[in-house]
Amino acid sequence: MGTRWVLILCCVVGCLQTQARAETVKLSTLYWPPYSGQKLAQQGASIAVARVAFERMGHQLEVEFFPWSRAVKVALMPHSEYIGYLPEYFFETSAFVFSNPIGRGPLGLIELKEHPISWNHIEDLNRYTLGVVKDYVNTGHLDAMIAKGVQTVETVNSDEQNIKKVAAGRIDGAVIDVHVFNYLLKQQDLKSLVNRLQMNRQLLADKQLYVAFNNTEEGRRWRDIFNQGLAQVDVEAIMEELLFGEEEQVKSSLK
């Protein structure tokens, strides 16, 4: 009897210690369906993966949605309540450290079906005017060409704007994630464009997505905790369910 009560007491103490260590982690994010969005199932595929990874380590995730530039800036503010932001492509920076991958996002070009973009090498795109979203990371080579001024681009605040500009023939194409493009074309205000637009046959990159943690002692600590939890998560299964689930069936325009 005494031994049993000791075991029970140890279990209770262990549970209380676990609860005491549990913390709420705050990350900033943006409306970028189907990866993140307030009204999406589980707030989007990337948020779902991150939430499960933190839960595996006994912690809770809270996210707050901002316009993209703001989502990055609030994470960097002194004494910010946000330990980082997501989702993000990897890029060279001293401000953030990146988690292990939380999914993949194929990056390509949207174009008019009647005027496809022809290219074999990235430099071939210099003869076209492309749309890009402000402060988005594209690819290293493409961003370098934009920075040098050899690639003509027009900058907008959202993927939706780029879709409309390509459809209207105001630009030759626009950089966009394939899953984002397929999702947006199913929305009421854009579905009329589905027969006019397509993804270019060639991808710019098949990119991985990450959580960007602040490059501070606290940020690196949470990055390590997150990676431990992420190792226990079937990332592909979550992404598959939320990107290609029955309610939001995505038919790749690359086929």
C-alpha atoms as a PDB file:
ATOM      1  CA  MET A   1       0.000   0.000   0.000  1.00  0.00           C
ATOM      2  CA  GLY A   2       2.775   2.431   0.947  1.00  0.00           C
ATOM      3  CA  THR A   3       4.682   1.789  -2.258  1.00  0.00           C
ATOM      4  CA  ARG A   4       1.584   2.380  -4.353  1.00  0.00           C
ATOM      5  CA  TRP A   5       0.927   5.741  -2.738  1.00  0.00           C
ATOM      6  CA  VAL A   6       4.565   6.747  -3.265  1.00  0.00           C
ATOM      7  CA  LEU A   7       4.227   5.933  -6.962  1.00  0.00           C
ATOM      8  CA  ILE A   8       0.992   7.891  -7.218  1.00  0.00           C
ATOM      9  CA  LEU A   9       2.574  10.855  -5.458  1.00  0.00           C
ATOM     10  CA  CYS A  10       5.557  10.744  -7.809  1.00  0.00           C
ATOM     11  CA  CYS A  11       3.231  10.759 -10.809  1.00  0.00           C
ATOM     12  CA  VAL A  12       1.282  13.744  -9.444  1.00  0.00           C
ATOM     13  CA  VAL A  13       4.486  15.673  -8.718  1.00  0.00           C
ATOM     14  CA  GLY A  14       5.780  14.829 -12.191  1.00  0.00           C
ATOM     15  CA  CYS A  15       2.591  16.112 -13.818  1.00  0.00           C
ATOM     16  CA  LEU A  16       2.702  19.318 -11.804  1.00  0.00           C
ATOM     17  CA  GLN A  17       6.332  19.888 -12.753  1.00  0.00           C
ATOM     18  CA  THR A  18       5.483  19.348 -16.435  1.00  0.00           C
ATOM     19  CA  GLN A  19       2.601  21.819 -16.220  1.00  0.00           C
ATOM     20  CA  ALA A  20       4.842  24.330 -14.454  1.00  0.00           C
ATOM     21  CA  ARG A  21       7.369  24.098 -17.277  1.00  0.00           C
ATOM     22  CA  ALA A  22       4.746  24.478 -20.000  1.00  0.00           C
ATOM     23  CA  GLU A  23       4.963  27.836 -21.743  1.00  0.00           C
ATOM     24  CA  THR A  24       3.049  29.703 -24.397  1.00  0.00           C
ATOM     25  CA  VAL A  25       5.164  30.604 -27.415  1.00  0.00           C
ATOM     26  CA  LYS A  26       4.159  33.523 -29.613  1.00  0.00           C
ATOM     27  CA  LEU A  27       5.040  33.786 -33.296  1.00  0.00           C
ATOM     28  CA  SER A  28       3.946  36.342 -35.855  1.00  0.00           C
ATOM     29  CA  THR A  29       2.668  35.289 -39.256  1.00  0.00           C
ATOM     30  CA  LEU A  30       0.796  36.511 -42.306  1.00  0.00           C
ATOM     31  CA  TYR A  31      -2.262  35.622 -44.355  1.00  0.00           C
ATOM     32  CA  TRP A  32      -0.696  33.244 -46.867  1.00  0.00           C
ATOM     33  CA  PRO A  33      -3.189  30.494 -47.616  1.00  0.00           C
ATOM     34  CA  PRO A  34      -3.044  27.550 -47.624  1.00  0.00           C
ATOM     35  CA  TYR A  35       0.012  27.749 -45.352  1.00  0.00           C
ATOM     36  CA  SER A  36      -1.367  30.289 -42.885  1.00  0.00           C
ATOM     37  CA  GLY A  37      -4.672  32.084 -42.403  1.00  0.00           C
ATOM     38  CA  GLN A  38      -7.067  32.957 -39.595  1.00  0.00           C
ATOM     39  CA  LYS A  39     -10.050  31.159 -41.129  1.00  0.00           C
ATOM     40  CA  LEU A  40      -8.269  28.117 -42.513  1.00  0.00           C
ATOM     41  CA  ALA A  41      -8.533  24.701 -40.897  1.00  0.00           C
ATOM     42  CA  GLN A  42      -6.021  24.696 -38.012  1.00  0.00           C
ATOM     43  CA  GLN A  43      -4.992  28.184 -39.212  1.00  0.00           C
ATOM     44  CA  GLY A  44      -3.189  26.654 -42.175  1.00  0.00           C
ATOM     45  CA  ALA A  45      -0.742  23.852 -42.919  1.00  0.00           C
ATOM     46  CA  SER A  46       2.420  25.572 -41.645  1.00  0.00           C
ATOM     47  CA  ILE A  47       0.764  26.733 -38.431  1.00  0.00           C
ATOM     48  CA  ALA A  48      -0.595  23.224 -37.840  1.00  0.00           C
ATOM     49  CA  VAL A  49       2.862  21.668 -38.147  1.00  0.00           C
ATOM     50  CA  ALA A  50       4.409  24.246 -35.820  1.00  0.00           C
ATOM     51  CA  ARG A  51       1.640  23.887 -33.239  1.00  0.00           C
ATOM     52  CA  VAL A  52       1.986  20.098 -33.079  1.00  0.00           C
ATOM     53  CA  ALA A  53       5.781  20.359 -32.779  1.00  0.00           C
ATOM     54  CA  PHE A  54       5.495  22.671 -29.764  1.00  0.00           C
ATOM     55  CA  GLU A  55       2.796  20.474 -28.239  1.00  0.00           C
ATOM     56  CA  ARG A  56       5.105  17.468 -28.467  1.00  0.00           C
ATOM     57  CA  MET A  57       7.405  19.346 -26.101  1.00  0.00           C
ATOM     58  CA  GLY A  58       4.594  20.368 -23.752  1.00  0.00           C
ATOM     59  CA  HIS A  59       4.201  23.952 -24.961  1.00  0.00           C
ATOM     60  CA  GLN A  60       1.414  25.932 -26.614  1.00  0.00           C
ATOM     61  CA  LEU A  61       1.691  28.071 -29.734  1.00  0.00           C
ATOM     62  CA  GLU A  62      -0.113  31.354 -30.296  1.00  0.00           C
ATOM     63  CA  VAL A  63       0.147  33.169 -33.611  1.00  0.00           C
ATOM     64  CA  GLU A  64      -0.900  36.657 -34.584  1.00  0.00           C
ATOM     65  CA  PHE A  65      -1.519  37.724 -38.162  1.00  0.00           C
ATOM     66  CA  PHE A  66       0.013  40.832 -39.723  1.00  0.00           C
ATOM     67  CA  PRO A  67       0.808  42.131 -43.200  1.00  0.00           C
ATOM     68  CA  TRP A  68       4.029  40.372 -44.226  1.00  0.00           C
ATOM     69  CA  SER A  69       6.519  43.208 -43.664  1.00  0.00           C
ATOM     70  CA  ARG A  70       4.937  43.917 -40.301  1.00  0.00           C
ATOM     71  CA  ALA A  71       5.091  40.236 -39.292  1.00  0.00           C
ATOM     72  CA  VAL A  72       8.865  40.283 -39.665  1.00  0.00           C
ATOM     73  CA  LYS A  73       9.336  43.684 -38.021  1.00  0.00           C
ATOM     74  CA  VAL A  74       7.316  42.913 -34.881  1.00  0.00           C
ATOM     75  CA  ALA A  75       9.438  39.830 -34.264  1.00  0.00           C
ATOM     76  CA  LEU A  76      12.584  41.972 -34.393  1.00  0.00           C
ATOM     77  CA  MET A  77      11.382  44.770 -32.120  1.00  0.00           C
ATOM     78  CA  PRO A  78      13.257  45.121 -28.804  1.00  0.00           C
ATOM     79  CA  HIS A  79      11.503  43.182 -26.023  1.00  0.00           C
ATOM     80  CA  SER A  80       9.064  41.747 -28.586  1.00  0.00           C
ATOM     81  CA  GLU A  81       6.532  39.243 -27.317  1.00  0.00           C
ATOM     82  CA  TYR A  82       7.145  37.252 -30.504  1.00  0.00           C
ATOM     83  CA  ILE A  83      10.076  34.854 -30.538  1.00  0.00           C
ATOM     84  CA  GLY A  84      10.044  34.746 -34.338  1.00  0.00           C
ATOM     85  CA  TYR A  85       7.766  34.364 -37.351  1.00  0.00           C
ATOM     86  CA  LEU A  86       6.635  31.819 -39.915  1.00  0.00           C
ATOM     87  CA  PRO A  87       6.529  30.498 -42.529  1.00  0.00           C
ATOM     88  CA  GLU A  88       9.686  31.630 -44.269  1.00  0.00           C
ATOM     89  CA  TYR A  89      12.126  30.469 -46.909  1.00  0.00           C
ATOM     90  CA  PHE A  90      15.754  30.186 -45.866  1.00  0.00           C
ATOM     91  CA  PHE A  91      17.916  33.203 -46.593  1.00  0.00           C
ATOM     92  CA  GLU A  92      21.248  34.493 -45.340  1.00  0.00           C
ATOM     93  CA  THR A  93      20.697  36.687 -42.288  1.00  0.00           C
ATOM     94  CA  SER A  94      22.212  37.439 -38.914  1.00  0.00           C
ATOM     95  CA  ALA A  95      18.860  38.485 -37.447  1.00  0.00           C
ATOM     96  CA  PHE A  96      17.234  35.048 -37.418  1.00  0.00           C
ATOM     97  CA  VAL A  97      18.070  31.369 -37.025  1.00  0.00           C
ATOM     98  CA  PHE A  98      15.966  28.829 -38.850  1.00  0.00           C
ATOM     99  CA  SER A  99      14.254  25.689 -37.646  1.00  0.00           C
ATOM    100  CA  ASN A 100      14.428  22.396 -39.450  1.00  0.00           C
ATOM    101  CA  PRO A 101      12.020  22.312 -42.430  1.00  0.00           C
ATOM    102  CA  ILE A 102       8.290  22.431 -41.657  1.00  0.00           C
ATOM    103  CA  GLY A 103       7.194  21.636 -45.212  1.00  0.00           C
ATOM    104  CA  ARG A 104       7.870  22.343 -48.852  1.00  0.00           C
ATOM    105  CA  GLY A 105       6.602  24.998 -51.236  1.00  0.00           C
ATOM    106  CA  PRO A 106       7.156  24.769 -55.012  1.00  0.00           C
ATOM    107  CA  LEU A 107       7.924  28.242 -56.377  1.00  0.00           C
ATOM    108  CA  GLY A 108       7.187  29.162 -59.974  1.00  0.00           C
ATOM    109  CA  LEU A 109       5.798  31.743 -62.371  1.00  0.00           C
ATOM    110  CA  ILE A 110       2.192  32.378 -63.293  1.00  0.00           C
ATOM    111  CA  GLU A 111       1.512  33.353 -66.885  1.00  0.00           C
ATOM    112  CA  LEU A 112      -1.238  33.845 -69.415  1.00  0.00           C
ATOM    113  CA  LYS A 113      -2.086  30.556 -71.101  1.00  0.00           C
ATOM    114  CA  GLU A 114      -2.022  32.299 -74.475  1.00  0.00           C
ATOM    115  CA  HIS A 115       1.371  33.925 -73.787  1.00  0.00           C
ATOM    116  CA  PRO A 116       3.568  31.455 -71.897  1.00  0.00           C
ATOM    117  CA  ILE A 117       6.994  32.495 -70.685  1.00  0.00           C
ATOM    118  CA  SER A 118       9.822  30.689 -72.470  1.00  0.00           C
ATOM    119  CA  TRP A 119      13.073  30.192 -70.559  1.00  0.00           C
ATOM    120  CA  ASN A 120      15.813  27.646 -69.984  1.00  0.00           C
ATOM    121  CA  HIS A 121      18.222  29.631 -67.839  1.00  0.00           C
ATOM    122  CA  ILE A 122      17.237  32.107 -65.125  1.00  0.00           C
ATOM    123  CA  GLU A 123      18.881  34.933 -67.095  1.00  0.00           C
ATOM    124  CA  ASP A 124      16.357  34.337 -69.897  1.00  0.00           C
ATOM    125  CA  LEU A 125      13.740  35.903 -67.634  1.00  0.00           C
ATOM    126  CA  ASN A 126      15.457  39.292 -67.977  1.00  0.00           C
ATOM    127  CA  ARG A 127      13.484  39.946 -71.164  1.00  0.00           C
ATOM    128  CA  TYR A 128      10.217  39.761 -69.225  1.00  0.00           C
ATOM    129  CA  THR A 129       8.607  42.027 -66.652  1.00  0.00           C
ATOM    130  CA  LEU A 130       7.751  40.004 -63.560  1.00  0.00           C
ATOM    131  CA  GLY A 131       5.613  40.725 -60.532  1.00  0.00           C
ATOM    132  CA  VAL A 132       7.000  40.129 -57.057  1.00  0.00           C
ATOM    133  CA  VAL A 133       5.506  40.695 -53.618  1.00  0.00           C
ATOM    134  CA  LYS A 134       7.165  43.299 -51.431  1.00  0.00           C
ATOM    135  CA  ASP A 135       9.709  41.841 -48.976  1.00  0.00           C
ATOM    136  CA  TYR A 136       9.143  38.242 -50.099  1.00  0.00           C
ATOM    137  CA  VAL A 137      12.239  36.101 -50.544  1.00  0.00           C
ATOM    138  CA  ASN A 138      12.209  34.609 -54.051  1.00  0.00           C
ATOM    139  CA  THR A 139      15.339  32.726 -55.101  1.00  0.00           C
ATOM    140  CA  GLY A 140      18.910  33.832 -54.474  1.00  0.00           C
ATOM    141  CA  HIS A 141      19.728  34.164 -58.165  1.00  0.00           C
ATOM    142  CA  LEU A 142      16.518  35.960 -59.072  1.00  0.00           C
ATOM    143  CA  ASP A 143      16.768  38.356 -56.119  1.00  0.00           C
ATOM    144  CA  ALA A 144      20.379  39.102 -57.065  1.00  0.00           C
ATOM    145  CA  MET A 145      19.312  40.006 -60.596  1.00  0.00           C
ATOM    146  CA  ILE A 146      16.561  42.231 -59.221  1.00  0.00           C
ATOM    147  CA  ALA A 147      19.039  43.946 -56.877  1.00  0.00           C
ATOM    148  CA  LYS A 148      21.436  44.576 -59.789  1.00  0.00           C
ATOM    149  CA  GLY A 149      18.636  46.033 -61.888  1.00  0.00           C
ATOM    150  CA  VAL A 150      18.983  43.512 -64.715  1.00  0.00           C
ATOM    151  CA  GLN A 151      15.614  41.905 -63.976  1.00  0.00           C
ATOM    152  CA  THR A 152      12.633  44.201 -64.489  1.00  0.00           C
ATOM    153  CA  VAL A 153      10.011  43.737 -61.805  1.00  0.00           C
ATOM    154  CA  GLU A 154       6.925  45.434 -60.446  1.00  0.00           C
ATOM    155  CA  THR A 155       6.378  45.157 -56.714  1.00  0.00           C
ATOM    156  CA  VAL A 156       2.962  44.689 -55.117  1.00  0.00           C
ATOM    157  CA  ASN A 157       1.665  43.960 -51.630  1.00  0.00           C
ATOM    158  CA  SER A 158      -0.014  40.599 -52.249  1.00  0.00           C
ATOM    159  CA  ASP A 159      -0.137  37.533 -54.482  1.00  0.00           C
ATOM    160  CA  GLU A 160      -3.738  38.402 -55.347  1.00  0.00           C
ATOM    161  CA  GLN A 161      -2.595  41.664 -56.919  1.00  0.00           C
ATOM    162  CA  ASN A 162      -0.023  39.851 -59.029  1.00  0.00           C
ATOM    163  CA  ILE A 163      -2.617  37.357 -60.256  1.00  0.00           C
ATOM    164  CA  LYS A 164      -4.862  40.189 -61.399  1.00  0.00           C
ATOM    165  CA  LYS A 165      -2.001  42.059 -63.086  1.00  0.00           C
ATOM    166  CA  VAL A 166      -0.915  38.995 -65.056  1.00  0.00           C
ATOM    167  CA  ALA A 167      -4.520  38.302 -66.082  1.00  0.00           C
ATOM    168  CA  ALA A 168      -4.877  41.895 -67.294  1.00  0.00           C
ATOM    169  CA  GLY A 169      -1.656  41.654 -69.309  1.00  0.00           C
ATOM    170  CA  ARG A 170       0.022  44.412 -67.303  1.00  0.00           C
ATOM    171  CA  ILE A 171       3.015  42.172 -66.562  1.00  0.00           C
ATOM    172  CA  ASP A 172       4.350  39.058 -68.293  1.00  0.00           C
ATOM    173  CA  GLY A 173       4.345  36.832 -65.226  1.00  0.00           C
ATOM    174  CA  ALA A 174       4.663  36.778 -61.466  1.00  0.00           C
ATOM    175  CA  VAL A 175       6.540  34.768 -58.873  1.00  0.00           C
ATOM    176  CA  ILE A 176       4.219  32.680 -56.711  1.00  0.00           C
ATOM    177  CA  ASP A 177       4.029  29.453 -54.740  1.00  0.00           C
ATOM    178  CA  VAL A 178       2.121  26.784 -56.666  1.00  0.00           C
ATOM    179  CA  HIS A 179      -0.125  25.851 -53.717  1.00  0.00           C
ATOM    180  CA  VAL A 180      -0.894  29.521 -53.032  1.00  0.00           C
ATOM    181  CA  PHE A 181      -1.816  30.065 -56.683  1.00  0.00           C
ATOM    182  CA  ASN A 182      -4.119  27.033 -56.771  1.00  0.00           C
ATOM    183  CA  TYR A 183      -5.801  28.081 -53.536  1.00  0.00           C
ATOM    184  CA  LEU A 184      -6.370  31.688 -54.581  1.00  0.00           C
ATOM    185  CA  LEU A 185      -7.842  30.776 -57.968  1.00  0.00           C
ATOM    186  CA  LYS A 186     -10.638  28.941 -56.155  1.00  0.00           C
ATOM    187  CA  GLN A 187     -11.707  32.077 -54.297  1.00  0.00           C
ATOM    188  CA  GLN A 188     -14.807  33.912 -55.422  1.00  0.00           C
ATOM    189  CA  ASP A 189     -13.124  37.090 -56.682  1.00  0.00           C
ATOM    190  CA  LEU A 190     -10.471  35.238 -58.714  1.00  0.00           C
ATOM    191  CA  LYS A 191     -12.129  32.019 -59.924  1.00  0.00           C
ATOM    192  CA  SER A 192     -13.204  33.713 -63.174  1.00  0.00           C
ATOM    193  CA  LEU A 193      -9.511  33.855 -64.140  1.00  0.00           C
ATOM    194  CA  VAL A 194      -8.928  30.110 -63.923  1.00  0.00           C
ATOM    195  CA  ASN A 195      -9.199  29.602 -67.700  1.00  0.00           C
ATOM    196  CA  ARG A 196      -6.790  32.417 -68.469  1.00  0.00           C
ATOM    197  CA  LEU A 197      -3.872  31.668 -66.159  1.00  0.00           C
ATOM    198  CA  GLN A 198      -1.518  28.782 -65.527  1.00  0.00           C
ATOM    199  CA  MET A 199       1.761  27.958 -63.836  1.00  0.00           C
ATOM    200  CA  ASN A 200       4.769  28.025 -66.113  1.00  0.00           C
ATOM    201  CA  ARG A 201       5.959  24.508 -67.007  1.00  0.00           C
ATOM    202  CA  GLN A 202       9.291  25.076 -65.234  1.00  0.00           C
ATOM    203  CA  LEU A 203       9.678  25.706 -61.497  1.00  0.00           C
ATOM    204  CA  LEU A 204      12.022  28.335 -60.124  1.00  0.00           C
ATOM    205  CA  ALA A 205      12.674  26.159 -57.074  1.00  0.00           C
ATOM    206  CA  ASP A 206      11.129  23.518 -54.846  1.00  0.00           C
ATOM    207  CA  LYS A 207      11.678  25.415 -51.628  1.00  0.00           C
ATOM    208  CA  GLN A 208      11.499  24.351 -48.021  1.00  0.00           C
ATOM    209  CA  LEU A 209       9.607  26.307 -45.373  1.00  0.00           C
ATOM    210  CA  TYR A 210      10.911  27.143 -41.908  1.00  0.00           C
ATOM    211  CA  VAL A 211      10.181  28.940 -38.664  1.00  0.00           C
ATOM    212  CA  ALA A 212      12.495  31.945 -38.301  1.00  0.00           C
ATOM    213  CA  PHE A 213      13.503  32.409 -34.660  1.00  0.00           C
ATOM    214  CA  ASN A 214      15.182  35.537 -33.353  1.00  0.00           C
ATOM    215  CA  ASN A 215      18.952  35.123 -33.282  1.00  0.00           C
ATOM    216  CA  THR A 216      19.159  35.634 -29.530  1.00  0.00           C
ATOM    217  CA  GLU A 217      19.887  33.259 -26.680  1.00  0.00           C
ATOM    218  CA  GLU A 218      16.149  32.874 -26.088  1.00  0.00           C
ATOM    219  CA  GLY A 219      15.413  32.449 -29.772  1.00  0.00           C
ATOM    220  CA  ARG A 220      18.064  29.795 -30.210  1.00  0.00           C
ATOM    221  CA  ARG A 221      16.759  27.975 -27.132  1.00  0.00           C
ATOM    222  CA  TRP A 222      13.259  27.847 -28.594  1.00  0.00           C
ATOM    223  CA  ARG A 223      14.628  26.820 -31.993  1.00  0.00           C
ATOM    224  CA  ASP A 224      16.281  23.812 -30.358  1.00  0.00           C
ATOM    225  CA  ILE A 225      13.137  22.917 -28.395  1.00  0.00           C
ATOM    226  CA  PHE A 226      11.048  23.248 -31.529  1.00  0.00           C
ATOM    227  CA  ASN A 227      13.374  21.026 -33.544  1.00  0.00           C
ATOM    228  CA  GLN A 228      13.134  18.328 -30.880  1.00  0.00           C
ATOM    229  CA  GLY A 229       9.354  18.402 -31.131  1.00  0.00           C
ATOM    230  CA  LEU A 230       9.412  18.606 -34.920  1.00  0.00           C
ATOM    231  CA  ALA A 231      11.425  15.370 -35.060  1.00  0.00           C
ATOM    232  CA  GLN A 232       8.376  13.652 -33.533  1.00  0.00           C
ATOM    233  CA  VAL A 233       5.941  15.037 -36.126  1.00  0.00           C
ATOM    234  CA  ASP A 234       4.917  13.526 -39.451  1.00  0.00           C
ATOM    235  CA  VAL A 235       5.230  16.790 -41.342  1.00  0.00           C
ATOM    236  CA  GLU A 236       4.317  15.339 -44.728  1.00  0.00           C
ATOM    237  CA  ALA A 237       1.111  13.797 -43.380  1.00  0.00           C
ATOM    238  CA  ILE A 238      -0.082  17.118 -41.913  1.00  0.00           C
ATOM    239  CA  MET A 239       0.835  19.040 -45.054  1.00  0.00           C
ATOM    240  CA  GLU A 240      -0.867  16.432 -47.237  1.00  0.00           C
ATOM    241  CA  GLU A 241      -4.073  16.579 -45.196  1.00  0.00           C
ATOM    242  CA  LEU A 242      -4.335  20.361 -45.156  1.00  0.00           C
ATOM    243  CA  LEU A 243      -3.013  21.107 -48.639  1.00  0.00           C
ATOM    244  CA  PHE A 244      -4.757  18.278 -50.458  1.00  0.00           C
ATOM    245  CA  GLY A 245      -7.660  17.400 -48.173  1.00  0.00           C
ATOM    246  CA  GLU A 246     -11.090  16.518 -49.467  1.00  0.00           C
ATOM    247  CA  GLU A 247     -12.553  19.947 -48.759  1.00  0.00           C
ATOM    248  CA  GLU A 248      -9.711  21.828 -50.457  1.00  0.00           C
ATOM    249  CA  GLN A 249      -8.694  19.444 -53.243  1.00  0.00           C
ATOM    250  CA  VAL A 250      -5.822  20.965 -55.174  1.00  0.00           C
ATOM    251  CA  LYS A 251      -5.253  19.987 -58.781  1.00  0.00           C
ATOM    252  CA  SER A 252      -1.713  20.930 -59.714  1.00  0.00           C
ATOM    253  CA  SER A 253      -1.589  23.157 -62.764  1.00  0.00           C
ATOM    254  CA  LEU A 254       1.812  21.715 -63.574  1.00  0.00           C
ATOM    255  CA  LYS A 255       0.160  18.530 -64.877  1.00  0.00           C
END
